[in-house]
Amino acid sequence: MKNILKKAVFALLILAVISCQKEDDGTLEENLLIESEISEKSNSDILIVCSVDGIPNGYIVQEYIYNSQCPNSNLFLGTYNAAIVERNGTPKIISAGAGCADNYCIWIVGTNFENGSYVDVRTTSGSSIIGTYRGANRTLTTNAQGQQVITLRLGSAYERNQFASSGLRIWVVNPVARKWADGRTVRRPGGGNGNPIDPPCNPRCP
């Protein structure tokens, strides 16, 4: 009877070891498959980063994983040594205001603007777009601090009147990512001498 019991316990232990091994192999195969799929895309919008490197600017975490090529230090969540990250296509407005000698220009300082980013303009009380500035109707440059700068000159008398009275609401739109920055209200101050902006990019900014 004792021999039968010992054999039964031994058999259970062997089954447990085998099942754990299968689970480990399955996890390894799954991670290798993920890594292979990402590398095949050759797309900088999706990356695998090691925990020691951290999350790069402009990216957000899609999933935490274990990567056999990453060291097991500075672990994400104390468990994972890598993460799948995806570029965040949302533009961000840091500051905005009026410019040019007559204060009828708008400058926007921010980050994560696409090359084709454009600006939608609305009144502060309505939802309809009253102006869109893209291509040659706006400039996109980078200042000395590495921040992106969009500048534009308001094109219609209605926009200028709204800008001088109650202000305008502006959105920066990234057409490729199909994302936009939170709306920002800007208003024309009285008089001229608009706020300076770096770098100068006449005629649409001071």
N, C-alpha and C. Protein backbone atom coordinates (compact mmCIF):
# COMPACT_ATOMS: atom_id res chain seq x y z
N MET A 1 0.83 -1.20 0.00
CA MET A 1 0.00 0.00 0.00
C MET A 1 0.87 1.26 0.00
N LYS A 2 1.95 1.22 0.86
CA LYS A 2 2.85 2.36 0.94
C LYS A 2 3.56 2.56 -0.39
N ASN A 3 3.95 1.47 -1.05
CA ASN A 3 4.62 1.57 -2.33
C ASN A 3 3.70 2.21 -3.39
N ILE A 4 2.44 1.82 -3.36
CA ILE A 4 1.47 2.38 -4.31
C ILE A 4 1.32 3.87 -4.08
N LEU A 5 1.25 4.29 -2.79
CA LEU A 5 1.09 5.70 -2.43
C LEU A 5 2.32 6.51 -2.89
N LYS A 6 3.52 5.93 -2.67
CA LYS A 6 4.75 6.61 -3.09
C LYS A 6 4.77 6.79 -4.61
N LYS A 7 4.36 5.74 -5.32
CA LYS A 7 4.34 5.82 -6.78
C LYS A 7 3.35 6.88 -7.27
N ALA A 8 2.20 6.96 -6.59
CA ALA A 8 1.18 7.94 -6.97
C ALA A 8 1.70 9.36 -6.76
N VAL A 9 2.35 9.60 -5.59
CA VAL A 9 2.91 10.92 -5.30
C VAL A 9 3.99 11.27 -6.32
N PHE A 10 4.86 10.28 -6.62
CA PHE A 10 5.94 10.50 -7.58
C PHE A 10 5.38 10.84 -8.97
N ALA A 11 4.32 10.14 -9.36
CA ALA A 11 3.70 10.39 -10.66
C ALA A 11 3.11 11.79 -10.71
N LEU A 12 2.48 12.23 -9.61
CA LEU A 12 1.92 13.59 -9.56
C LEU A 12 3.00 14.65 -9.68
N LEU A 13 4.14 14.41 -9.02
CA LEU A 13 5.26 15.35 -9.09
C LEU A 13 5.79 15.48 -10.52
N ILE A 14 5.89 14.35 -11.19
CA ILE A 14 6.38 14.36 -12.58
C ILE A 14 5.41 15.13 -13.48
N LEU A 15 4.10 14.91 -13.27
CA LEU A 15 3.09 15.63 -14.06
C LEU A 15 3.18 17.13 -13.82
N ALA A 16 3.40 17.51 -12.57
CA ALA A 16 3.51 18.94 -12.23
C ALA A 16 4.70 19.57 -12.91
N VAL A 17 5.84 18.88 -12.89
CA VAL A 17 7.05 19.41 -13.53
C VAL A 17 6.83 19.55 -15.04
N ILE A 18 6.22 18.53 -15.65
CA ILE A 18 5.97 18.57 -17.09
C ILE A 18 5.05 19.73 -17.46
N SER A 19 3.98 19.93 -16.67
CA SER A 19 3.03 20.99 -16.96
C SER A 19 3.68 22.36 -16.83
N CYS A 20 4.54 22.54 -15.82
CA CYS A 20 5.26 23.80 -15.65
C CYS A 20 6.18 24.05 -16.84
N GLN A 21 6.85 22.99 -17.30
CA GLN A 21 7.76 23.12 -18.43
C GLN A 21 7.01 23.53 -19.68
N LYS A 22 5.82 22.95 -19.90
CA LYS A 22 5.02 23.30 -21.05
C LYS A 22 4.58 24.75 -20.99
N GLU A 23 4.23 25.21 -19.75
CA GLU A 23 3.79 26.60 -19.58
C GLU A 23 4.94 27.55 -19.88
N ASP A 24 6.15 27.21 -19.38
CA ASP A 24 7.32 28.06 -19.63
C ASP A 24 7.63 28.12 -21.12
N ASP A 25 7.57 26.95 -21.78
CA ASP A 25 7.83 26.90 -23.22
C ASP A 25 6.80 27.71 -23.98
N GLY A 26 5.53 27.63 -23.54
CA GLY A 26 4.47 28.38 -24.20
C GLY A 26 4.68 29.87 -24.05
N THR A 27 5.08 30.31 -22.87
CA THR A 27 5.34 31.74 -22.64
C THR A 27 6.50 32.22 -23.49
N LEU A 28 7.55 31.41 -23.56
CA LEU A 28 8.72 31.77 -24.37
C LEU A 28 8.33 31.87 -25.84
N GLU A 29 7.57 30.89 -26.34
CA GLU A 29 7.15 30.92 -27.74
C GLU A 29 6.28 32.14 -28.03
N GLU A 30 5.41 32.47 -27.08
CA GLU A 30 4.54 33.63 -27.25
C GLU A 30 5.35 34.91 -27.35
N ASN A 31 6.34 35.08 -26.46
CA ASN A 31 7.18 36.27 -26.49
C ASN A 31 8.01 36.36 -27.77
N LEU A 32 8.53 35.20 -28.21
CA LEU A 32 9.29 35.19 -29.45
C LEU A 32 8.42 35.58 -30.64
N LEU A 33 7.17 35.13 -30.63
CA LEU A 33 6.23 35.47 -31.70
C LEU A 33 5.95 36.96 -31.72
N ILE A 34 5.75 37.55 -30.52
CA ILE A 34 5.51 39.00 -30.43
C ILE A 34 6.70 39.77 -30.97
N GLU A 35 7.91 39.37 -30.52
CA GLU A 35 9.12 40.06 -30.96
C GLU A 35 9.29 39.95 -32.47
N SER A 36 8.98 38.77 -33.02
CA SER A 36 9.13 38.56 -34.47
C SER A 36 8.15 39.43 -35.25
N GLU A 37 6.91 39.50 -34.77
CA GLU A 37 5.90 40.30 -35.46
C GLU A 37 6.28 41.77 -35.49
N ILE A 38 6.80 42.28 -34.36
CA ILE A 38 7.17 43.69 -34.28
C ILE A 38 8.37 43.98 -35.17
N SER A 39 9.37 43.10 -35.15
CA SER A 39 10.56 43.34 -35.97
C SER A 39 10.23 43.29 -37.45
N GLU A 40 9.26 42.45 -37.84
CA GLU A 40 8.88 42.35 -39.25
C GLU A 40 8.20 43.62 -39.73
N LYS A 41 7.54 44.33 -38.83
CA LYS A 41 6.84 45.54 -39.24
C LYS A 41 7.82 46.65 -39.62
N SER A 42 9.05 46.60 -39.04
CA SER A 42 10.05 47.64 -39.27
C SER A 42 9.42 49.01 -39.21
N ASN A 43 8.61 49.24 -38.19
CA ASN A 43 7.86 50.47 -38.04
C ASN A 43 8.26 51.13 -36.73
N SER A 44 8.79 52.35 -36.82
CA SER A 44 9.24 53.04 -35.60
C SER A 44 8.07 53.47 -34.73
N ASP A 45 6.83 53.29 -35.22
CA ASP A 45 5.67 53.64 -34.40
C ASP A 45 5.46 52.62 -33.29
N ILE A 46 5.95 51.38 -33.47
CA ILE A 46 5.82 50.33 -32.45
C ILE A 46 7.21 49.77 -32.17
N LEU A 47 7.61 49.76 -30.90
CA LEU A 47 8.94 49.31 -30.52
C LEU A 47 8.85 48.40 -29.31
N ILE A 48 9.92 47.59 -29.11
CA ILE A 48 10.12 46.88 -27.85
C ILE A 48 11.27 47.58 -27.14
N VAL A 49 11.04 48.03 -25.91
CA VAL A 49 12.10 48.70 -25.15
C VAL A 49 12.38 47.91 -23.87
N CYS A 50 13.65 47.87 -23.47
CA CYS A 50 14.03 47.22 -22.23
C CYS A 50 13.72 48.14 -21.06
N SER A 51 13.45 47.53 -19.91
CA SER A 51 13.10 48.33 -18.74
C SER A 51 14.24 49.25 -18.32
N VAL A 52 15.49 48.83 -18.56
CA VAL A 52 16.62 49.67 -18.17
C VAL A 52 16.67 50.95 -19.00
N ASP A 53 16.06 50.94 -20.19
CA ASP A 53 16.08 52.12 -21.06
C ASP A 53 14.91 53.06 -20.79
N GLY A 54 13.85 52.54 -20.17
CA GLY A 54 12.69 53.38 -19.90
C GLY A 54 11.83 53.60 -21.14
N ILE A 55 10.74 54.34 -20.97
CA ILE A 55 9.82 54.62 -22.06
C ILE A 55 10.27 55.88 -22.79
N PRO A 56 10.53 55.80 -24.09
CA PRO A 56 10.99 57.00 -24.81
C PRO A 56 9.90 58.06 -24.89
N ASN A 57 10.32 59.32 -24.99
CA ASN A 57 9.37 60.42 -25.11
C ASN A 57 8.50 60.25 -26.34
N GLY A 58 7.23 60.56 -26.19
CA GLY A 58 6.31 60.48 -27.31
C GLY A 58 5.71 59.10 -27.53
N TYR A 59 6.01 58.14 -26.64
CA TYR A 59 5.48 56.78 -26.75
C TYR A 59 4.66 56.43 -25.51
N ILE A 60 3.71 55.54 -25.68
CA ILE A 60 2.90 55.05 -24.57
C ILE A 60 2.97 53.52 -24.56
N VAL A 61 2.81 52.93 -23.37
CA VAL A 61 2.93 51.47 -23.21
C VAL A 61 1.65 50.79 -23.68
N GLN A 62 1.83 49.78 -24.53
CA GLN A 62 0.71 48.95 -24.96
C GLN A 62 0.63 47.67 -24.13
N GLU A 63 1.81 47.12 -23.79
CA GLU A 63 1.83 45.86 -23.03
C GLU A 63 3.22 45.66 -22.42
N TYR A 64 3.25 45.15 -21.17
CA TYR A 64 4.51 44.79 -20.54
C TYR A 64 4.79 43.31 -20.83
N ILE A 65 6.06 42.97 -21.14
CA ILE A 65 6.41 41.60 -21.50
C ILE A 65 7.76 41.23 -20.89
N TYR A 66 8.12 39.95 -21.07
CA TYR A 66 9.47 39.49 -20.75
C TYR A 66 10.20 39.28 -22.07
N ASN A 67 11.39 39.89 -22.20
CA ASN A 67 12.19 39.78 -23.42
C ASN A 67 13.53 39.15 -23.04
N SER A 68 13.84 38.03 -23.68
CA SER A 68 15.06 37.30 -23.34
C SER A 68 16.33 38.10 -23.64
N GLN A 69 16.23 39.14 -24.46
CA GLN A 69 17.40 39.94 -24.82
C GLN A 69 17.60 41.15 -23.91
N CYS A 70 16.70 41.34 -22.96
CA CYS A 70 16.81 42.47 -22.05
C CYS A 70 17.30 42.01 -20.67
N PRO A 71 18.08 42.84 -19.98
CA PRO A 71 18.54 42.47 -18.63
C PRO A 71 17.40 42.53 -17.62
N ASN A 72 17.52 41.76 -16.57
CA ASN A 72 16.49 41.73 -15.53
C ASN A 72 16.82 42.73 -14.42
N SER A 73 16.83 43.99 -14.79
CA SER A 73 17.08 45.04 -13.79
C SER A 73 16.20 46.24 -14.12
N ASN A 74 15.95 47.06 -13.09
CA ASN A 74 15.03 48.20 -13.23
C ASN A 74 13.71 47.76 -13.85
N LEU A 75 13.13 46.72 -13.31
CA LEU A 75 11.98 46.07 -13.93
C LEU A 75 10.75 46.97 -13.91
N PHE A 76 9.96 46.88 -15.00
CA PHE A 76 8.66 47.55 -15.03
C PHE A 76 7.73 46.83 -14.06
N LEU A 77 7.07 47.60 -13.21
CA LEU A 77 6.10 47.04 -12.24
C LEU A 77 6.75 45.98 -11.36
N GLY A 78 8.09 45.97 -11.31
CA GLY A 78 8.80 45.01 -10.48
C GLY A 78 8.79 43.60 -11.01
N THR A 79 8.28 43.39 -12.24
CA THR A 79 8.13 42.03 -12.79
C THR A 79 8.64 41.91 -14.22
N TYR A 80 8.35 42.88 -15.06
CA TYR A 80 8.62 42.77 -16.49
C TYR A 80 9.91 43.50 -16.86
N ASN A 81 10.70 42.89 -17.75
CA ASN A 81 11.96 43.52 -18.14
C ASN A 81 11.88 44.24 -19.48
N ALA A 82 10.67 44.32 -20.08
CA ALA A 82 10.51 44.99 -21.36
C ALA A 82 9.06 45.44 -21.54
N ALA A 83 8.85 46.25 -22.56
CA ALA A 83 7.49 46.71 -22.85
C ALA A 83 7.34 46.94 -24.34
N ILE A 84 6.13 46.72 -24.84
CA ILE A 84 5.78 47.09 -26.20
C ILE A 84 5.20 48.50 -26.12
N VAL A 85 5.82 49.44 -26.85
CA VAL A 85 5.37 50.82 -26.80
C VAL A 85 4.96 51.28 -28.20
N GLU A 86 4.05 52.22 -28.24
CA GLU A 86 3.55 52.75 -29.51
C GLU A 86 3.64 54.26 -29.48
N ARG A 87 4.01 54.83 -30.62
CA ARG A 87 4.12 56.28 -30.69
C ARG A 87 2.77 56.92 -30.42
N ASN A 88 2.78 57.93 -29.57
CA ASN A 88 1.55 58.67 -29.27
C ASN A 88 1.42 59.80 -30.28
N GLY A 89 0.45 59.70 -31.15
CA GLY A 89 0.31 60.68 -32.22
C GLY A 89 -0.42 61.94 -31.83
N THR A 90 -0.69 62.14 -30.54
CA THR A 90 -1.44 63.32 -30.11
C THR A 90 -0.53 64.53 -29.99
N PRO A 91 -0.82 65.62 -30.72
CA PRO A 91 -0.02 66.82 -30.57
C PRO A 91 -0.31 67.49 -29.22
N LYS A 92 0.65 68.26 -28.72
CA LYS A 92 0.48 68.93 -27.43
C LYS A 92 0.79 70.40 -27.58
N ILE A 93 -0.13 71.26 -27.15
CA ILE A 93 0.09 72.70 -27.13
C ILE A 93 0.64 73.08 -25.76
N ILE A 94 1.83 73.70 -25.76
CA ILE A 94 2.43 74.17 -24.51
C ILE A 94 1.97 75.59 -24.19
N SER A 95 2.00 76.44 -25.20
CA SER A 95 1.55 77.83 -25.02
C SER A 95 1.14 78.39 -26.37
N ALA A 96 0.37 79.46 -26.33
CA ALA A 96 -0.10 80.10 -27.56
C ALA A 96 -0.44 81.55 -27.26
N GLY A 97 -0.39 82.38 -28.29
CA GLY A 97 -0.70 83.79 -28.08
C GLY A 97 -0.76 84.55 -29.38
N ALA A 98 -0.90 85.88 -29.27
CA ALA A 98 -0.97 86.77 -30.42
C ALA A 98 0.42 87.29 -30.76
N GLY A 99 0.62 87.55 -32.04
CA GLY A 99 1.91 88.07 -32.47
C GLY A 99 1.79 88.93 -33.70
N CYS A 100 2.91 89.25 -34.30
CA CYS A 100 3.06 90.18 -35.41
C CYS A 100 2.84 91.61 -34.91
N ALA A 101 3.27 92.57 -35.70
CA ALA A 101 3.23 93.97 -35.26
C ALA A 101 1.81 94.44 -34.96
N ASP A 102 0.82 93.85 -35.64
CA ASP A 102 -0.57 94.29 -35.43
C ASP A 102 -1.35 93.34 -34.52
N ASN A 103 -0.68 92.30 -33.99
CA ASN A 103 -1.34 91.32 -33.11
C ASN A 103 -2.47 90.55 -33.78
N TYR A 104 -2.42 90.41 -35.10
CA TYR A 104 -3.42 89.58 -35.78
C TYR A 104 -2.82 88.27 -36.28
N CYS A 105 -1.66 87.90 -35.74
CA CYS A 105 -1.10 86.58 -35.97
C CYS A 105 -1.29 85.73 -34.72
N ILE A 106 -1.23 84.42 -34.86
CA ILE A 106 -1.29 83.50 -33.72
C ILE A 106 -0.05 82.62 -33.77
N TRP A 107 0.64 82.50 -32.65
CA TRP A 107 1.76 81.57 -32.55
C TRP A 107 1.39 80.47 -31.56
N ILE A 108 1.85 79.26 -31.85
CA ILE A 108 1.55 78.08 -31.03
C ILE A 108 2.85 77.33 -30.79
N VAL A 109 3.23 77.15 -29.54
CA VAL A 109 4.42 76.39 -29.19
C VAL A 109 3.97 75.04 -28.63
N GLY A 110 4.57 73.95 -29.11
CA GLY A 110 4.15 72.64 -28.63
C GLY A 110 5.11 71.54 -29.02
N THR A 111 4.64 70.32 -28.93
CA THR A 111 5.45 69.15 -29.27
C THR A 111 4.58 68.14 -30.01
N ASN A 112 5.26 67.21 -30.68
CA ASN A 112 4.60 66.10 -31.36
C ASN A 112 3.72 66.55 -32.53
N PHE A 113 4.09 67.67 -33.17
CA PHE A 113 3.37 68.12 -34.36
C PHE A 113 3.91 67.34 -35.57
N GLU A 114 3.02 66.80 -36.39
CA GLU A 114 3.43 66.17 -37.63
C GLU A 114 3.84 67.24 -38.65
N ASN A 115 4.59 66.83 -39.68
CA ASN A 115 4.97 67.79 -40.73
C ASN A 115 3.75 68.41 -41.40
N GLY A 116 2.68 67.63 -41.47
CA GLY A 116 1.45 68.14 -42.11
C GLY A 116 0.42 68.66 -41.13
N SER A 117 0.82 68.91 -39.90
CA SER A 117 -0.13 69.41 -38.90
C SER A 117 -0.80 70.70 -39.38
N TYR A 118 -2.07 70.84 -39.05
CA TYR A 118 -2.78 72.07 -39.40
C TYR A 118 -3.57 72.57 -38.19
N VAL A 119 -4.10 73.79 -38.31
CA VAL A 119 -4.79 74.44 -37.20
C VAL A 119 -6.23 74.72 -37.59
N ASP A 120 -7.16 74.23 -36.79
CA ASP A 120 -8.57 74.57 -36.93
C ASP A 120 -8.92 75.69 -35.95
N VAL A 121 -9.73 76.63 -36.41
CA VAL A 121 -10.11 77.79 -35.60
C VAL A 121 -11.62 77.83 -35.43
N ARG A 122 -12.05 78.03 -34.19
CA ARG A 122 -13.48 78.19 -33.88
C ARG A 122 -13.66 79.41 -33.00
N THR A 123 -14.88 79.90 -32.91
CA THR A 123 -15.17 80.95 -31.93
C THR A 123 -15.21 80.31 -30.54
N THR A 124 -15.22 81.13 -29.53
CA THR A 124 -15.26 80.59 -28.16
C THR A 124 -16.65 80.08 -27.78
N SER A 125 -17.67 80.42 -28.58
CA SER A 125 -19.04 80.01 -28.23
C SER A 125 -19.65 79.03 -29.22
N GLY A 126 -18.99 78.79 -30.36
CA GLY A 126 -19.57 77.91 -31.38
C GLY A 126 -18.72 76.67 -31.62
N SER A 127 -19.30 75.68 -32.29
CA SER A 127 -18.60 74.43 -32.59
C SER A 127 -18.14 74.34 -34.03
N SER A 128 -18.63 75.25 -34.89
CA SER A 128 -18.27 75.22 -36.31
C SER A 128 -16.86 75.75 -36.52
N ILE A 129 -16.14 75.13 -37.45
CA ILE A 129 -14.81 75.60 -37.81
C ILE A 129 -14.95 76.82 -38.71
N ILE A 130 -14.35 77.94 -38.33
CA ILE A 130 -14.45 79.16 -39.13
C ILE A 130 -13.18 79.42 -39.93
N GLY A 131 -12.13 78.66 -39.67
CA GLY A 131 -10.89 78.82 -40.41
C GLY A 131 -10.00 77.61 -40.23
N THR A 132 -9.30 77.21 -41.30
CA THR A 132 -8.34 76.12 -41.24
C THR A 132 -7.05 76.59 -41.90
N TYR A 133 -5.92 76.38 -41.21
CA TYR A 133 -4.63 76.85 -41.71
C TYR A 133 -3.70 75.66 -41.87
N ARG A 134 -3.36 75.38 -43.12
CA ARG A 134 -2.49 74.24 -43.45
C ARG A 134 -1.57 74.63 -44.60
N GLY A 135 -0.55 73.80 -44.82
CA GLY A 135 0.35 74.05 -45.94
C GLY A 135 0.99 75.42 -45.86
N ALA A 136 0.90 76.16 -46.96
CA ALA A 136 1.54 77.48 -47.05
C ALA A 136 0.82 78.54 -46.22
N ASN A 137 -0.35 78.22 -45.68
CA ASN A 137 -1.09 79.19 -44.86
C ASN A 137 -0.64 79.22 -43.41
N ARG A 138 0.37 78.41 -43.10
CA ARG A 138 0.95 78.44 -41.76
C ARG A 138 2.40 78.00 -41.85
N THR A 139 3.19 78.36 -40.86
CA THR A 139 4.59 77.91 -40.84
C THR A 139 4.77 76.94 -39.68
N LEU A 140 5.67 75.98 -39.86
CA LEU A 140 6.03 75.03 -38.80
C LEU A 140 7.54 75.02 -38.69
N THR A 141 8.06 75.46 -37.56
CA THR A 141 9.50 75.56 -37.35
C THR A 141 9.84 75.00 -35.97
N THR A 142 11.11 75.01 -35.63
CA THR A 142 11.58 74.56 -34.32
C THR A 142 12.40 75.68 -33.69
N ASN A 143 12.12 75.98 -32.41
CA ASN A 143 12.85 77.06 -31.75
C ASN A 143 14.13 76.55 -31.11
N ALA A 144 14.85 77.46 -30.44
CA ALA A 144 16.15 77.12 -29.86
C ALA A 144 16.04 76.10 -28.74
N GLN A 145 14.86 75.97 -28.13
CA GLN A 145 14.64 75.00 -27.06
C GLN A 145 14.21 73.64 -27.58
N GLY A 146 14.15 73.49 -28.90
CA GLY A 146 13.74 72.22 -29.48
C GLY A 146 12.24 72.03 -29.52
N GLN A 147 11.48 73.09 -29.21
CA GLN A 147 10.03 73.01 -29.26
C GLN A 147 9.55 73.38 -30.66
N GLN A 148 8.46 72.79 -31.07
CA GLN A 148 7.90 73.11 -32.38
C GLN A 148 7.03 74.36 -32.28
N VAL A 149 7.04 75.15 -33.35
CA VAL A 149 6.30 76.41 -33.37
C VAL A 149 5.48 76.48 -34.65
N ILE A 150 4.18 76.67 -34.51
CA ILE A 150 3.29 76.94 -35.64
C ILE A 150 2.87 78.40 -35.55
N THR A 151 2.95 79.10 -36.69
CA THR A 151 2.48 80.49 -36.73
C THR A 151 1.58 80.66 -37.93
N LEU A 152 0.63 81.59 -37.80
CA LEU A 152 -0.30 81.86 -38.88
C LEU A 152 -0.83 83.29 -38.75
N ARG A 153 -1.28 83.83 -39.86
CA ARG A 153 -1.94 85.14 -39.86
C ARG A 153 -3.41 84.91 -40.18
N LEU A 154 -4.28 85.46 -39.32
CA LEU A 154 -5.72 85.29 -39.51
C LEU A 154 -6.14 85.90 -40.85
N GLY A 155 -6.92 85.12 -41.61
CA GLY A 155 -7.19 85.50 -42.99
C GLY A 155 -8.47 86.26 -43.24
N SER A 156 -9.44 86.21 -42.32
CA SER A 156 -10.72 86.86 -42.60
C SER A 156 -11.01 87.95 -41.58
N ALA A 157 -11.83 88.92 -42.00
CA ALA A 157 -12.22 90.00 -41.10
C ALA A 157 -13.03 89.45 -39.92
N TYR A 158 -13.85 88.42 -40.18
CA TYR A 158 -14.66 87.84 -39.10
C TYR A 158 -13.76 87.21 -38.03
N GLU A 159 -12.73 86.47 -38.46
CA GLU A 159 -11.81 85.87 -37.49
C GLU A 159 -11.08 86.95 -36.68
N ARG A 160 -10.64 88.01 -37.37
CA ARG A 160 -9.93 89.08 -36.69
C ARG A 160 -10.82 89.80 -35.68
N ASN A 161 -12.09 90.00 -36.05
CA ASN A 161 -13.02 90.65 -35.13
C ASN A 161 -13.26 89.79 -33.89
N GLN A 162 -13.46 88.49 -34.10
CA GLN A 162 -13.65 87.58 -32.98
C GLN A 162 -12.41 87.53 -32.09
N PHE A 163 -11.24 87.51 -32.74
CA PHE A 163 -9.96 87.45 -32.03
C PHE A 163 -9.80 88.67 -31.12
N ALA A 164 -10.22 89.85 -31.61
CA ALA A 164 -10.06 91.08 -30.85
C ALA A 164 -11.12 91.26 -29.76
N SER A 165 -12.27 90.61 -29.92
CA SER A 165 -13.35 90.80 -28.95
C SER A 165 -13.37 89.70 -27.89
N SER A 166 -13.85 88.52 -28.26
CA SER A 166 -13.97 87.44 -27.27
C SER A 166 -12.88 86.39 -27.37
N GLY A 167 -12.04 86.46 -28.41
CA GLY A 167 -10.97 85.47 -28.59
C GLY A 167 -11.38 84.35 -29.52
N LEU A 168 -10.43 83.48 -29.82
CA LEU A 168 -10.66 82.33 -30.68
C LEU A 168 -10.20 81.07 -29.98
N ARG A 169 -10.79 79.95 -30.37
CA ARG A 169 -10.41 78.64 -29.85
C ARG A 169 -9.65 77.92 -30.97
N ILE A 170 -8.43 77.42 -30.67
CA ILE A 170 -7.61 76.79 -31.70
C ILE A 170 -7.32 75.33 -31.36
N TRP A 171 -7.22 74.51 -32.40
CA TRP A 171 -6.85 73.10 -32.28
C TRP A 171 -5.73 72.79 -33.27
N VAL A 172 -4.68 72.10 -32.83
CA VAL A 172 -3.67 71.58 -33.74
C VAL A 172 -4.05 70.14 -34.06
N VAL A 173 -4.11 69.81 -35.34
CA VAL A 173 -4.55 68.49 -35.80
C VAL A 173 -3.40 67.76 -36.49
N ASN A 174 -3.16 66.51 -36.10
CA ASN A 174 -2.21 65.64 -36.78
C ASN A 174 -3.00 64.75 -37.74
N PRO A 175 -2.94 65.02 -39.05
CA PRO A 175 -3.80 64.27 -39.99
C PRO A 175 -3.45 62.80 -40.14
N VAL A 176 -2.16 62.44 -40.05
CA VAL A 176 -1.78 61.04 -40.22
C VAL A 176 -2.24 60.22 -39.02
N ALA A 177 -1.96 60.71 -37.82
CA ALA A 177 -2.38 60.00 -36.61
C ALA A 177 -3.87 60.16 -36.33
N ARG A 178 -4.49 61.14 -36.98
CA ARG A 178 -5.91 61.45 -36.76
C ARG A 178 -6.17 61.80 -35.30
N LYS A 179 -5.29 62.62 -34.76
CA LYS A 179 -5.44 63.07 -33.37
C LYS A 179 -5.22 64.56 -33.30
N TRP A 180 -5.74 65.17 -32.26
CA TRP A 180 -5.63 66.62 -32.14
C TRP A 180 -5.36 67.01 -30.69
N ALA A 181 -4.74 68.18 -30.55
CA ALA A 181 -4.45 68.71 -29.23
C ALA A 181 -5.72 69.28 -28.62
N ASP A 182 -5.76 69.36 -27.30
CA ASP A 182 -6.87 70.01 -26.62
C ASP A 182 -6.98 71.46 -27.09
N GLY A 183 -8.21 71.94 -27.23
CA GLY A 183 -8.42 73.30 -27.69
C GLY A 183 -7.81 74.33 -26.73
N ARG A 184 -7.32 75.41 -27.30
CA ARG A 184 -6.70 76.48 -26.50
C ARG A 184 -7.32 77.81 -26.92
N THR A 185 -7.72 78.63 -25.96
CA THR A 185 -8.29 79.94 -26.25
C THR A 185 -7.19 80.99 -26.31
N VAL A 186 -7.18 81.77 -27.38
CA VAL A 186 -6.23 82.88 -27.53
C VAL A 186 -7.01 84.13 -27.87
N ARG A 187 -6.49 85.28 -27.40
CA ARG A 187 -7.19 86.55 -27.62
C ARG A 187 -6.18 87.64 -27.95
N ARG A 188 -6.58 88.52 -28.84
CA ARG A 188 -5.71 89.62 -29.25
C ARG A 188 -5.66 90.69 -28.15
N PRO A 189 -4.46 91.05 -27.70
CA PRO A 189 -4.35 92.17 -26.77
C PRO A 189 -4.51 93.48 -27.52
N GLY A 190 -4.77 94.55 -26.81
CA GLY A 190 -4.92 95.86 -27.46
C GLY A 190 -3.60 96.37 -27.98
N GLY A 191 -3.64 97.17 -29.07
CA GLY A 191 -2.43 97.77 -29.60
C GLY A 191 -1.60 96.80 -30.41
N GLY A 192 -0.40 97.22 -30.79
CA GLY A 192 0.49 96.40 -31.59
C GLY A 192 1.58 95.78 -30.74
N ASN A 193 2.78 95.64 -31.33
CA ASN A 193 3.93 95.06 -30.63
C ASN A 193 3.61 93.67 -30.08
N GLY A 194 3.38 92.73 -30.99
CA GLY A 194 3.05 91.37 -30.57
C GLY A 194 4.18 90.70 -29.81
N ASN A 195 3.86 89.61 -29.14
CA ASN A 195 4.86 88.88 -28.37
C ASN A 195 5.93 88.32 -29.29
N PRO A 196 7.21 88.42 -28.92
CA PRO A 196 8.27 87.87 -29.77
C PRO A 196 8.26 86.34 -29.73
N ILE A 197 8.72 85.75 -30.82
CA ILE A 197 8.76 84.30 -30.89
C ILE A 197 10.05 83.89 -31.58
N ASP A 198 10.63 82.78 -31.20
CA ASP A 198 11.87 82.30 -31.79
C ASP A 198 11.58 80.96 -32.49
N PRO A 199 12.02 80.74 -33.74
CA PRO A 199 12.78 81.68 -34.57
C PRO A 199 11.85 82.60 -35.35
N PRO A 200 12.36 83.76 -35.83
CA PRO A 200 11.51 84.63 -36.65
C PRO A 200 11.19 83.94 -37.97
N CYS A 201 9.98 84.03 -38.42
CA CYS A 201 9.57 83.36 -39.67
C CYS A 201 8.55 84.23 -40.38
N ASN A 202 8.95 85.44 -40.70
CA ASN A 202 8.07 86.38 -41.39
C ASN A 202 7.51 85.73 -42.67
N PRO A 203 6.29 86.05 -43.10
CA PRO A 203 5.50 87.15 -42.56
C PRO A 203 4.46 86.72 -41.53
N ARG A 204 4.48 85.47 -41.09
CA ARG A 204 3.38 84.99 -40.27
C ARG A 204 3.68 84.93 -38.78
N CYS A 205 4.81 85.43 -38.38
CA CYS A 205 5.06 85.51 -36.95
C CYS A 205 5.97 86.71 -36.69
N PRO A 206 6.03 87.20 -35.49
CA PRO A 206 6.81 88.41 -35.22
C PRO A 206 8.28 88.21 -35.55
